[in-house]
Amino acid sequence: MEYLNIIIIALIVLFLIQRMLPAKGIRQITTAELKNELMDKNKQFIDVRTLGEFSGNHIRGFKNIPLQQLAQKSGELSRDREVVVICQSGMRSNKASKLLKKSGFGKVTNVKGGMSAWS
């Protein structure tokens, strides 16, 4: 019985670690690196925070598509252009990046640290 508990705990830990790790094929950049890429017209910049968070503070050039709406609204994005995704801390944007990658987007970039790291 004790072994079963250990196995269950190990599986839960593995699941949590897997969710936090960046997905294969998704580029990770810092906010400092983002500053050098903001003028690139070939990229699509998406902020997946809520409308309230976005309205309070956002980076010019980013379009707000909350994470909960991303699956439905991904058709508004070009699959031929790189998508750069940001959120508040990097967790939701990492999740959004994985969703976009699984949906067939070739070039997806996650901004590590999100708006919390933006200065």
Protein backbone atom coordinates (compact mmCIF):
# COMPACT_ATOMS: atom_id res chain seq x y z
CA MET A 1 0.00 0.00 0.00
CA GLU A 2 2.85 2.36 0.83
CA TYR A 3 4.42 1.69 -2.59
CA LEU A 4 1.16 2.69 -4.26
CA ASN A 5 1.22 6.05 -2.44
CA ILE A 6 4.81 6.66 -3.53
CA ILE A 7 3.94 5.83 -7.14
CA ILE A 8 0.92 8.16 -7.08
CA ILE A 9 2.98 11.02 -5.63
CA ALA A 10 5.74 10.42 -8.19
CA LEU A 11 3.22 10.52 -11.04
CA ILE A 12 1.73 13.77 -9.75
CA VAL A 13 5.18 15.37 -9.47
CA LEU A 14 6.07 14.19 -12.98
CA PHE A 15 2.83 15.62 -14.34
CA LEU A 16 3.45 19.00 -12.70
CA ILE A 17 7.05 19.20 -13.92
CA GLN A 18 5.99 18.31 -17.46
CA ARG A 19 3.40 21.11 -17.48
CA MET A 20 6.00 23.70 -16.46
CA LEU A 21 8.73 22.70 -18.88
CA PRO A 22 8.84 24.43 -22.26
CA ALA A 23 7.58 22.33 -25.14
CA LYS A 24 9.91 21.15 -27.87
CA GLY A 25 10.07 23.47 -30.85
CA ILE A 26 9.05 26.55 -28.87
CA ARG A 27 11.66 29.28 -28.69
CA GLN A 28 12.12 30.93 -25.29
CA ILE A 29 13.24 34.58 -25.10
CA THR A 30 13.73 37.12 -22.32
CA THR A 31 12.02 40.50 -22.22
CA ALA A 32 15.38 42.09 -23.11
CA GLU A 33 15.50 39.97 -26.27
CA LEU A 34 11.85 40.87 -26.96
CA LYS A 35 12.77 44.57 -27.13
CA ASN A 36 15.01 43.80 -30.15
CA GLU A 37 12.19 41.95 -31.93
CA LEU A 38 9.25 44.34 -31.43
CA MET A 39 9.84 46.18 -34.73
CA ASP A 40 9.77 42.97 -36.79
CA LYS A 41 6.61 43.28 -38.92
CA ASN A 42 6.84 39.59 -39.88
CA LYS A 43 5.97 38.54 -36.33
CA GLN A 44 2.61 38.43 -34.56
CA PHE A 45 2.65 39.56 -30.95
CA ILE A 46 -0.06 38.07 -28.71
CA ASP A 47 -0.80 38.85 -25.06
CA VAL A 48 -2.84 36.03 -23.50
CA ARG A 49 -3.72 37.80 -20.24
CA THR A 50 -7.31 38.78 -19.42
CA LEU A 51 -8.76 41.95 -20.95
CA GLY A 52 -8.56 43.64 -17.53
CA GLU A 53 -4.86 42.83 -17.16
CA PHE A 54 -4.18 43.92 -20.74
CA SER A 55 -6.10 47.19 -20.30
CA GLY A 56 -4.11 48.02 -17.18
CA ASN A 57 -0.71 47.69 -18.86
CA HIS A 58 0.50 46.23 -22.13
CA ILE A 59 3.27 46.47 -24.69
CA ARG A 60 2.45 48.45 -27.82
CA GLY A 61 2.10 46.13 -30.81
CA PHE A 62 0.67 43.21 -28.84
CA LYS A 63 -2.85 41.99 -29.59
CA ASN A 64 -4.92 40.74 -26.67
CA ILE A 65 -6.32 37.23 -27.07
CA PRO A 66 -7.00 35.82 -23.58
CA LEU A 67 -5.80 32.24 -23.09
CA GLN A 68 -9.38 30.99 -22.64
CA GLN A 69 -10.25 32.31 -26.14
CA LEU A 70 -7.04 31.35 -27.94
CA ALA A 71 -8.21 27.99 -29.29
CA GLN A 72 -11.30 29.60 -30.88
CA LYS A 73 -9.45 32.70 -32.15
CA SER A 74 -6.26 31.05 -33.42
CA GLY A 75 -7.79 31.21 -36.91
CA GLU A 76 -7.26 34.98 -36.79
CA LEU A 77 -3.50 34.36 -36.75
CA SER A 78 -1.28 33.50 -39.70
CA ARG A 79 0.35 30.07 -39.47
CA ASP A 80 3.08 31.32 -41.83
CA ARG A 81 4.37 34.03 -39.47
CA GLU A 82 6.07 33.60 -36.11
CA VAL A 83 3.83 34.11 -33.06
CA VAL A 84 5.40 35.71 -29.97
CA VAL A 85 3.33 35.10 -26.82
CA ILE A 86 3.42 36.93 -23.47
CA CYS A 87 1.38 36.85 -20.23
CA GLN A 88 2.00 38.13 -16.70
CA SER A 89 4.61 35.60 -15.50
CA GLY A 90 5.29 33.26 -18.42
CA MET A 91 3.07 30.38 -17.27
CA ARG A 92 -0.04 31.11 -19.37
CA SER A 93 2.06 32.09 -22.37
CA ASN A 94 3.94 28.79 -22.09
CA LYS A 95 0.60 26.98 -22.09
CA ALA A 96 -0.59 29.12 -25.03
CA SER A 97 2.62 28.41 -26.94
CA LYS A 98 2.08 24.66 -26.55
CA LEU A 99 -1.52 25.04 -27.73
CA LEU A 100 -0.42 26.98 -30.83
CA LYS A 101 2.34 24.49 -31.61
CA LYS A 102 -0.12 21.58 -31.38
CA SER A 103 -2.52 23.54 -33.62
CA GLY A 104 0.04 23.61 -36.43
CA PHE A 105 1.85 26.92 -35.95
CA GLY A 106 5.43 26.43 -37.11
CA LYS A 107 7.24 29.23 -35.30
CA VAL A 108 6.13 29.97 -31.75
CA THR A 109 8.07 32.01 -29.18
CA ASN A 110 7.34 32.33 -25.46
CA VAL A 111 8.48 35.39 -23.49
CA LYS A 112 10.00 34.08 -20.22
CA GLY A 113 9.02 36.05 -17.13
CA GLY A 114 6.20 37.83 -18.95
CA MET A 115 5.07 41.34 -18.08
CA SER A 116 6.50 40.92 -14.57
CA ALA A 117 9.98 40.97 -16.14
CA TRP A 118 9.19 43.83 -18.56
CA SER A 119 10.71 47.18 -17.67
